[in-house]
Amino acid sequence: MRLTRLLAMAEKLAPPWAPELGRAGKAARRKKPVLPAIPEEDWQVFRGDTVQILSGREAGKQSLVIQVDKEQQSVLLDRLNMGYYYA
């Protein structure tokens, strides 16, 4: 077999350490969904508001909004996990 043909076959194979395959035996990390920007006049959650968690492990609990990050569209709640605000 010629060297050029062997090299062409080798280019088609992806090595097991290729970054797009992720680590061996590990699931690929999920990326956060890219959300469209919420206009300033439509933003409904502000610092100091009391909100109730609708889904997830903390569902049904109420908490106080400590911090609002409009760029990331996320809120930080007092004594609860970080949640995301979806329009």
PDB file of N, CA and C in Angstrom:
ATOM      1  N   MET A   1       0.840  -1.162   0.000  1.00  0.00           N
ATOM      2  CA  MET A   1       0.000   0.000   0.000  1.00  0.00           C
ATOM      3  C   MET A   1       0.896   1.239   0.000  1.00  0.00           C
ATOM      4  N   ARG A   2       0.501   2.185  -0.798  1.00  0.00           N
ATOM      5  CA  ARG A   2       1.301   3.394  -0.891  1.00  0.00           C
ATOM      6  C   ARG A   2       1.110   4.273   0.333  1.00  0.00           C
ATOM      7  N   LEU A   3       2.136   5.043   0.618  1.00  0.00           N
ATOM      8  CA  LEU A   3       2.121   5.914   1.782  1.00  0.00           C
ATOM      9  C   LEU A   3       1.027   6.979   1.678  1.00  0.00           C
ATOM     10  N   THR A   4       0.807   7.539   0.497  1.00  0.00           N
ATOM     11  CA  THR A   4      -0.216   8.584   0.347  1.00  0.00           C
ATOM     12  C   THR A   4      -1.609   8.024   0.622  1.00  0.00           C
ATOM     13  N   ARG A   5      -1.864   6.803   0.190  1.00  0.00           N
ATOM     14  CA  ARG A   5      -3.170   6.193   0.436  1.00  0.00           C
ATOM     15  C   ARG A   5      -3.338   5.887   1.930  1.00  0.00           C
ATOM     16  N   LEU A   6      -2.285   5.445   2.567  1.00  0.00           N
ATOM     17  CA  LEU A   6      -2.323   5.156   3.992  1.00  0.00           C
ATOM     18  C   LEU A   6      -2.563   6.439   4.797  1.00  0.00           C
ATOM     19  N   LEU A   7      -1.916   7.528   4.410  1.00  0.00           N
ATOM     20  CA  LEU A   7      -2.126   8.811   5.082  1.00  0.00           C
ATOM     21  C   LEU A   7      -3.546   9.336   4.871  1.00  0.00           C
ATOM     22  N   ALA A   8      -4.108   9.126   3.681  1.00  0.00           N
ATOM     23  CA  ALA A   8      -5.478   9.555   3.410  1.00  0.00           C
ATOM     24  C   ALA A   8      -6.463   8.779   4.282  1.00  0.00           C
ATOM     25  N   MET A   9      -6.217   7.496   4.487  1.00  0.00           N
ATOM     26  CA  MET A   9      -7.086   6.686   5.344  1.00  0.00           C
ATOM     27  C   MET A   9      -6.967   7.140   6.801  1.00  0.00           C
ATOM     28  N   ALA A  10      -5.770   7.513   7.225  1.00  0.00           N
ATOM     29  CA  ALA A  10      -5.546   7.937   8.599  1.00  0.00           C
ATOM     30  C   ALA A  10      -6.244   9.265   8.892  1.00  0.00           C
ATOM     31  N   GLU A  11      -6.358  10.138   7.891  1.00  0.00           N
ATOM     32  CA  GLU A  11      -7.032  11.419   8.079  1.00  0.00           C
ATOM     33  C   GLU A  11      -8.521  11.230   8.331  1.00  0.00           C
ATOM     34  N   LYS A  12      -9.102  10.187   7.777  1.00  0.00           N
ATOM     35  CA  LYS A  12     -10.533   9.948   7.942  1.00  0.00           C
ATOM     36  C   LYS A  12     -10.869   9.444   9.341  1.00  0.00           C
ATOM     37  N   LEU A  13      -9.923   8.817  10.010  1.00  0.00           N
ATOM     38  CA  LEU A  13     -10.160   8.283  11.335  1.00  0.00           C
ATOM     39  C   LEU A  13      -9.988   9.380  12.381  1.00  0.00           C
ATOM     40  N   ALA A  14     -10.881   9.412  13.362  1.00  0.00           N
ATOM     41  CA  ALA A  14     -10.759  10.377  14.453  1.00  0.00           C
ATOM     42  C   ALA A  14     -10.114   9.671  15.636  1.00  0.00           C
ATOM     43  N   PRO A  15      -9.052  10.215  16.183  1.00  0.00           N
ATOM     44  CA  PRO A  15      -8.416   9.573  17.335  1.00  0.00           C
ATOM     45  C   PRO A  15      -9.345   9.618  18.549  1.00  0.00           C
ATOM     46  N   PRO A  16      -9.193   8.699  19.499  1.00  0.00           N
ATOM     47  CA  PRO A  16     -10.083   8.662  20.659  1.00  0.00           C
ATOM     48  C   PRO A  16      -9.947   9.886  21.565  1.00  0.00           C
ATOM     49  N   TRP A  17      -8.919  10.681  21.416  1.00  0.00           N
ATOM     50  CA  TRP A  17      -8.739  11.867  22.252  1.00  0.00           C
ATOM     51  C   TRP A  17      -9.193  13.138  21.540  1.00  0.00           C
ATOM     52  N   ALA A  18      -9.903  12.989  20.437  1.00  0.00           N
ATOM     53  CA  ALA A  18     -10.374  14.155  19.682  1.00  0.00           C
ATOM     54  C   ALA A  18     -11.341  14.976  20.544  1.00  0.00           C
ATOM     55  N   PRO A  19     -11.215  16.300  20.573  1.00  0.00           N
ATOM     56  CA  PRO A  19     -12.049  17.135  21.442  1.00  0.00           C
ATOM     57  C   PRO A  19     -13.540  17.013  21.141  1.00  0.00           C
ATOM     58  N   GLU A  20     -13.924  16.793  19.892  1.00  0.00           N
ATOM     59  CA  GLU A  20     -15.350  16.712  19.587  1.00  0.00           C
ATOM     60  C   GLU A  20     -15.992  15.436  20.121  1.00  0.00           C
ATOM     61  N   LEU A  21     -15.178  14.442  20.446  1.00  0.00           N
ATOM     62  CA  LEU A  21     -15.712  13.206  21.000  1.00  0.00           C
ATOM     63  C   LEU A  21     -15.855  13.272  22.511  1.00  0.00           C
ATOM     64  N   GLY A  22     -15.225  14.232  23.146  1.00  0.00           N
ATOM     65  CA  GLY A  22     -15.271  14.334  24.597  1.00  0.00           C
ATOM     66  C   GLY A  22     -14.335  13.311  25.224  1.00  0.00           C
ATOM     67  N   ARG A  23     -14.348  13.223  26.528  1.00  0.00           N
ATOM     68  CA  ARG A  23     -13.504  12.261  27.217  1.00  0.00           C
ATOM     69  C   ARG A  23     -14.081  10.872  27.071  1.00  0.00           C
ATOM     70  N   ALA A  24     -13.224   9.879  27.075  1.00  0.00           N
ATOM     71  CA  ALA A  24     -13.681   8.501  26.956  1.00  0.00           C
ATOM     72  C   ALA A  24     -14.504   8.135  28.181  1.00  0.00           C
ATOM     73  N   GLY A  25     -15.696   7.607  27.955  1.00  0.00           N
ATOM     74  CA  GLY A  25     -16.545   7.177  29.053  1.00  0.00           C
ATOM     75  C   GLY A  25     -17.321   8.293  29.720  1.00  0.00           C
ATOM     76  N   LYS A  26     -17.175   9.517  29.272  1.00  0.00           N
ATOM     77  CA  LYS A  26     -17.892  10.645  29.874  1.00  0.00           C
ATOM     78  C   LYS A  26     -18.905  11.190  28.871  1.00  0.00           C
ATOM     79  N   ALA A  27     -20.029  11.603  29.371  1.00  0.00           N
ATOM     80  CA  ALA A  27     -21.034  12.215  28.510  1.00  0.00           C
ATOM     81  C   ALA A  27     -20.598  13.642  28.177  1.00  0.00           C
ATOM     82  N   ALA A  28     -20.959  14.087  26.998  1.00  0.00           N
ATOM     83  CA  ALA A  28     -20.614  15.443  26.581  1.00  0.00           C
ATOM     84  C   ALA A  28     -21.391  16.448  27.422  1.00  0.00           C
ATOM     85  N   ARG A  29     -20.781  17.576  27.743  1.00  0.00           N
ATOM     86  CA  ARG A  29     -21.447  18.606  28.540  1.00  0.00           C
ATOM     87  C   ARG A  29     -22.490  19.309  27.697  1.00  0.00           C
ATOM     88  N   ARG A  30     -23.618  19.588  28.325  1.00  0.00           N
ATOM     89  CA  ARG A  30     -24.676  20.301  27.631  1.00  0.00           C
ATOM     90  C   ARG A  30     -24.434  21.796  27.749  1.00  0.00           C
ATOM     91  N   LYS A  31     -24.647  22.495  26.668  1.00  0.00           N
ATOM     92  CA  LYS A  31     -24.506  23.942  26.684  1.00  0.00           C
ATOM     93  C   LYS A  31     -25.832  24.574  27.063  1.00  0.00           C
ATOM     94  N   LYS A  32     -25.755  25.730  27.712  1.00  0.00           N
ATOM     95  CA  LYS A  32     -26.966  26.448  28.054  1.00  0.00           C
ATOM     96  C   LYS A  32     -27.641  26.913  26.765  1.00  0.00           C
ATOM     97  N   PRO A  33     -28.969  26.887  26.743  1.00  0.00           N
ATOM     98  CA  PRO A  33     -29.644  27.344  25.531  1.00  0.00           C
ATOM     99  C   PRO A  33     -29.437  28.848  25.328  1.00  0.00           C
ATOM    100  N   VAL A  34     -29.279  29.238  24.092  1.00  0.00           N
ATOM    101  CA  VAL A  34     -29.123  30.654  23.764  1.00  0.00           C
ATOM    102  C   VAL A  34     -30.526  31.247  23.685  1.00  0.00           C
ATOM    103  N   LEU A  35     -30.798  32.204  24.549  1.00  0.00           N
ATOM    104  CA  LEU A  35     -32.122  32.793  24.632  1.00  0.00           C
ATOM    105  C   LEU A  35     -32.147  34.162  23.967  1.00  0.00           C
ATOM    106  N   PRO A  36     -33.268  34.495  23.346  1.00  0.00           N
ATOM    107  CA  PRO A  36     -33.362  35.845  22.793  1.00  0.00           C
ATOM    108  C   PRO A  36     -33.416  36.858  23.927  1.00  0.00           C
ATOM    109  N   ALA A  37     -32.878  38.036  23.685  1.00  0.00           N
ATOM    110  CA  ALA A  37     -32.838  39.079  24.711  1.00  0.00           C
ATOM    111  C   ALA A  37     -34.250  39.547  25.054  1.00  0.00           C
ATOM    112  N   ILE A  38     -34.499  39.756  26.338  1.00  0.00           N
ATOM    113  CA  ILE A  38     -35.793  40.261  26.791  1.00  0.00           C
ATOM    114  C   ILE A  38     -35.712  41.783  26.807  1.00  0.00           C
ATOM    115  N   PRO A  39     -36.646  42.464  26.147  1.00  0.00           N
ATOM    116  CA  PRO A  39     -36.618  43.931  26.167  1.00  0.00           C
ATOM    117  C   PRO A  39     -36.765  44.464  27.592  1.00  0.00           C
ATOM    118  N   GLU A  40     -36.191  45.619  27.847  1.00  0.00           N
ATOM    119  CA  GLU A  40     -36.176  46.219  29.183  1.00  0.00           C
ATOM    120  C   GLU A  40     -37.591  46.425  29.727  1.00  0.00           C
ATOM    121  N   GLU A  41     -38.529  46.817  28.872  1.00  0.00           N
ATOM    122  CA  GLU A  41     -39.889  47.075  29.359  1.00  0.00           C
ATOM    123  C   GLU A  41     -40.663  45.785  29.654  1.00  0.00           C
ATOM    124  N   ASP A  42     -40.204  44.641  29.156  1.00  0.00           N
ATOM    125  CA  ASP A  42     -40.881  43.364  29.408  1.00  0.00           C
ATOM    126  C   ASP A  42     -40.296  42.601  30.588  1.00  0.00           C
ATOM    127  N   TRP A  43     -39.196  43.086  31.168  1.00  0.00           N
ATOM    128  CA  TRP A  43     -38.569  42.390  32.289  1.00  0.00           C
ATOM    129  C   TRP A  43     -39.484  42.508  33.516  1.00  0.00           C
ATOM    130  N   GLN A  44     -39.791  41.350  34.159  1.00  0.00           N
ATOM    131  CA  GLN A  44     -40.794  41.352  35.220  1.00  0.00           C
ATOM    132  C   GLN A  44     -40.246  40.992  36.596  1.00  0.00           C
ATOM    133  N   VAL A  45     -38.994  40.580  36.696  1.00  0.00           N
ATOM    134  CA  VAL A  45     -38.425  40.164  37.974  1.00  0.00           C
ATOM    135  C   VAL A  45     -37.375  41.189  38.398  1.00  0.00           C
ATOM    136  N   PHE A  46     -37.498  41.695  39.640  1.00  0.00           N
ATOM    137  CA  PHE A  46     -36.586  42.712  40.134  1.00  0.00           C
ATOM    138  C   PHE A  46     -36.049  42.313  41.495  1.00  0.00           C
ATOM    139  N   ARG A  47     -34.966  42.939  41.903  1.00  0.00           N
ATOM    140  CA  ARG A  47     -34.362  42.673  43.203  1.00  0.00           C
ATOM    141  C   ARG A  47     -35.352  43.036  44.311  1.00  0.00           C
ATOM    142  N   GLY A  48     -35.489  42.139  45.285  1.00  0.00           N
ATOM    143  CA  GLY A  48     -36.407  42.365  46.386  1.00  0.00           C
ATOM    144  C   GLY A  48     -37.760  41.703  46.200  1.00  0.00           C
ATOM    145  N   ASP A  49     -38.058  41.207  44.994  1.00  0.00           N
ATOM    146  CA  ASP A  49     -39.323  40.509  44.758  1.00  0.00           C
ATOM    147  C   ASP A  49     -39.309  39.139  45.430  1.00  0.00           C
ATOM    148  N   THR A  50     -40.483  38.662  45.804  1.00  0.00           N
ATOM    149  CA  THR A  50     -40.638  37.303  46.301  1.00  0.00           C
ATOM    150  C   THR A  50     -41.161  36.464  45.148  1.00  0.00           C
ATOM    151  N   VAL A  51     -40.474  35.371  44.854  1.00  0.00           N
ATOM    152  CA  VAL A  51     -40.856  34.506  43.734  1.00  0.00           C
ATOM    153  C   VAL A  51     -41.062  33.082  44.236  1.00  0.00           C
ATOM    154  N   GLN A  52     -41.810  32.295  43.471  1.00  0.00           N
ATOM    155  CA  GLN A  52     -42.042  30.898  43.800  1.00  0.00           C
ATOM    156  C   GLN A  52     -41.451  30.034  42.685  1.00  0.00           C
ATOM    157  N   ILE A  53     -40.729  28.992  43.068  1.00  0.00           N
ATOM    158  CA  ILE A  53     -40.115  28.082  42.109  1.00  0.00           C
ATOM    159  C   ILE A  53     -41.202  27.161  41.557  1.00  0.00           C
ATOM    160  N   LEU A  54     -41.268  27.043  40.235  1.00  0.00           N
ATOM    161  CA  LEU A  54     -42.323  26.262  39.602  1.00  0.00           C
ATOM    162  C   LEU A  54     -41.902  24.838  39.263  1.00  0.00           C
ATOM    163  N   SER A  55     -40.604  24.601  39.023  1.00  0.00           N
ATOM    164  CA  SER A  55     -40.194  23.255  38.627  1.00  0.00           C
ATOM    165  C   SER A  55     -38.830  22.944  39.211  1.00  0.00           C
ATOM    166  N   GLY A  56     -38.491  21.662  39.196  1.00  0.00           N
ATOM    167  CA  GLY A  56     -37.194  21.234  39.682  1.00  0.00           C
ATOM    168  C   GLY A  56     -37.246  20.759  41.122  1.00  0.00           C
ATOM    169  N   ARG A  57     -36.082  20.570  41.686  1.00  0.00           N
ATOM    170  CA  ARG A  57     -35.953  20.033  43.030  1.00  0.00           C
ATOM    171  C   ARG A  57     -36.551  20.956  44.084  1.00  0.00           C
ATOM    172  N   GLU A  58     -36.492  22.246  43.865  1.00  0.00           N
ATOM    173  CA  GLU A  58     -36.964  23.230  44.831  1.00  0.00           C
ATOM    174  C   GLU A  58     -38.397  23.695  44.547  1.00  0.00           C
ATOM    175  N   ALA A  59     -39.155  22.955  43.744  1.00  0.00           N
ATOM    176  CA  ALA A  59     -40.500  23.367  43.325  1.00  0.00           C
ATOM    177  C   ALA A  59     -41.401  23.599  44.533  1.00  0.00           C
ATOM    178  N   GLY A  60     -42.169  24.678  44.462  1.00  0.00           N
ATOM    179  CA  GLY A  60     -43.112  25.008  45.516  1.00  0.00           C
ATOM    180  C   GLY A  60     -42.553  25.929  46.584  1.00  0.00           C
ATOM    181  N   LYS A  61     -41.252  26.115  46.631  1.00  0.00           N
ATOM    182  CA  LYS A  61     -40.648  26.981  47.641  1.00  0.00           C
ATOM    183  C   LYS A  61     -40.689  28.437  47.182  1.00  0.00           C
ATOM    184  N   GLN A  62     -40.773  29.337  48.138  1.00  0.00           N
ATOM    185  CA  GLN A  62     -40.739  30.765  47.852  1.00  0.00           C
ATOM    186  C   GLN A  62     -39.447  31.354  48.389  1.00  0.00           C
ATOM    187  N   SER A  63     -38.938  32.366  47.692  1.00  0.00           N
ATOM    188  CA  SER A  63     -37.685  32.971  48.110  1.00  0.00           C
ATOM    189  C   SER A  63     -37.610  34.410  47.620  1.00  0.00           C
ATOM    190  N   LEU A  64     -36.633  35.122  48.151  1.00  0.00           N
ATOM    191  CA  LEU A  64     -36.411  36.526  47.823  1.00  0.00           C
ATOM    192  C   LEU A  64     -35.330  36.637  46.746  1.00  0.00           C
ATOM    193  N   VAL A  65     -35.551  37.502  45.759  1.00  0.00           N
ATOM    194  CA  VAL A  65     -34.573  37.715  44.691  1.00  0.00           C
ATOM    195  C   VAL A  65     -33.449  38.593  45.233  1.00  0.00           C
ATOM    196  N   ILE A  66     -32.211  38.079  45.202  1.00  0.00           N
ATOM    197  CA  ILE A  66     -31.044  38.823  45.688  1.00  0.00           C
ATOM    198  C   ILE A  66     -30.381  39.598  44.562  1.00  0.00           C
ATOM    199  N   GLN A  67     -30.247  38.941  43.405  1.00  0.00           N
ATOM    200  CA  GLN A  67     -29.508  39.546  42.301  1.00  0.00           C
ATOM    201  C   GLN A  67     -30.184  39.178  40.994  1.00  0.00           C
ATOM    202  N   VAL A  68     -30.237  40.125  40.052  1.00  0.00           N
ATOM    203  CA  VAL A  68     -30.808  39.900  38.731  1.00  0.00           C
ATOM    204  C   VAL A  68     -29.733  40.184  37.707  1.00  0.00           C
ATOM    205  N   ASP A  69     -29.462  39.211  36.829  1.00  0.00           N
ATOM    206  CA  ASP A  69     -28.484  39.389  35.756  1.00  0.00           C
ATOM    207  C   ASP A  69     -29.239  39.356  34.435  1.00  0.00           C
ATOM    208  N   LYS A  70     -29.475  40.523  33.870  1.00  0.00           N
ATOM    209  CA  LYS A  70     -30.293  40.609  32.656  1.00  0.00           C
ATOM    210  C   LYS A  70     -29.554  40.103  31.425  1.00  0.00           C
ATOM    211  N   GLU A  71     -28.237  40.193  31.415  1.00  0.00           N
ATOM    212  CA  GLU A  71     -27.474  39.688  30.271  1.00  0.00           C
ATOM    213  C   GLU A  71     -27.564  38.167  30.185  1.00  0.00           C
ATOM    214  N   GLN A  72     -27.416  37.500  31.327  1.00  0.00           N
ATOM    215  CA  GLN A  72     -27.499  36.037  31.375  1.00  0.00           C
ATOM    216  C   GLN A  72     -28.944  35.559  31.541  1.00  0.00           C
ATOM    217  N   GLN A  73     -29.863  36.474  31.777  1.00  0.00           N
ATOM    218  CA  GLN A  73     -31.265  36.177  32.036  1.00  0.00           C
ATOM    219  C   GLN A  73     -31.400  35.190  33.186  1.00  0.00           C
ATOM    220  N   SER A  74     -30.755  35.507  34.294  1.00  0.00           N
ATOM    221  CA  SER A  74     -30.808  34.631  35.453  1.00  0.00           C
ATOM    222  C   SER A  74     -31.035  35.452  36.709  1.00  0.00           C
ATOM    223  N   VAL A  75     -31.523  34.777  37.728  1.00  0.00           N
ATOM    224  CA  VAL A  75     -31.730  35.427  39.017  1.00  0.00           C
ATOM    225  C   VAL A  75     -31.093  34.577  40.098  1.00  0.00           C
ATOM    226  N   LEU A  76     -30.593  35.228  41.145  1.00  0.00           N
ATOM    227  CA  LEU A  76     -30.026  34.543  42.298  1.00  0.00           C
ATOM    228  C   LEU A  76     -31.004  34.714  43.440  1.00  0.00           C
ATOM    229  N   LEU A  77     -31.396  33.588  44.046  1.00  0.00           N
ATOM    230  CA  LEU A  77     -32.404  33.605  45.086  1.00  0.00           C
ATOM    231  C   LEU A  77     -31.784  33.329  46.443  1.00  0.00           C
ATOM    232  N   ASP A  78     -32.401  33.893  47.477  1.00  0.00           N
ATOM    233  CA  ASP A  78     -31.922  33.718  48.840  1.00  0.00           C
ATOM    234  C   ASP A  78     -32.128  32.273  49.287  1.00  0.00           C
ATOM    235  N   ARG A  79     -31.038  31.587  49.635  1.00  0.00           N
ATOM    236  CA  ARG A  79     -31.015  30.218  50.145  1.00  0.00           C
ATOM    237  C   ARG A  79     -31.568  29.175  49.192  1.00  0.00           C
ATOM    238  N   LEU A  80     -31.579  29.431  47.901  1.00  0.00           N
ATOM    239  CA  LEU A  80     -32.014  28.444  46.905  1.00  0.00           C
ATOM    240  C   LEU A  80     -31.031  28.432  45.748  1.00  0.00           C
ATOM    241  N   ASN A  81     -31.183  27.437  44.896  1.00  0.00           N
ATOM    242  CA  ASN A  81     -30.300  27.302  43.742  1.00  0.00           C
ATOM    243  C   ASN A  81     -30.538  28.425  42.748  1.00  0.00           C
ATOM    244  N   MET A  82     -29.580  28.588  41.827  1.00  0.00           N
ATOM    245  CA  MET A  82     -29.691  29.587  40.772  1.00  0.00           C
ATOM    246  C   MET A  82     -30.756  29.117  39.789  1.00  0.00           C
ATOM    247  N   GLY A  83     -31.600  30.023  39.330  1.00  0.00           N
ATOM    248  CA  GLY A  83     -32.623  29.666  38.352  1.00  0.00           C
ATOM    249  C   GLY A  83     -32.546  30.593  37.160  1.00  0.00           C
ATOM    250  N   TYR A  84     -33.146  30.188  36.072  1.00  0.00           N
ATOM    251  CA  TYR A  84     -33.128  30.972  34.849  1.00  0.00           C
ATOM    252  C   TYR A  84     -34.543  31.449  34.543  1.00  0.00           C
ATOM    253  N   TYR A  85     -34.662  32.650  34.050  1.00  0.00           N
ATOM    254  CA  TYR A  85     -35.945  33.242  33.714  1.00  0.00           C
ATOM    255  C   TYR A  85     -36.139  33.080  32.209  1.00  0.00           C
ATOM    256  N   TYR A  86     -37.126  32.293  31.808  1.00  0.00           N
ATOM    257  CA  TYR A  86     -37.417  32.087  30.398  1.00  0.00           C
ATOM    258  C   TYR A  86     -38.684  32.860  30.044  1.00  0.00           C
ATOM    259  N   ALA A  87     -38.610  33.581  28.958  1.00  0.00           N
ATOM    260  CA  ALA A  87     -39.769  34.379  28.539  1.00  0.00           C
ATOM    261  C   ALA A  87     -40.820  33.516  27.896  1.00  0.00           C
TER     262      ALA A  87
END
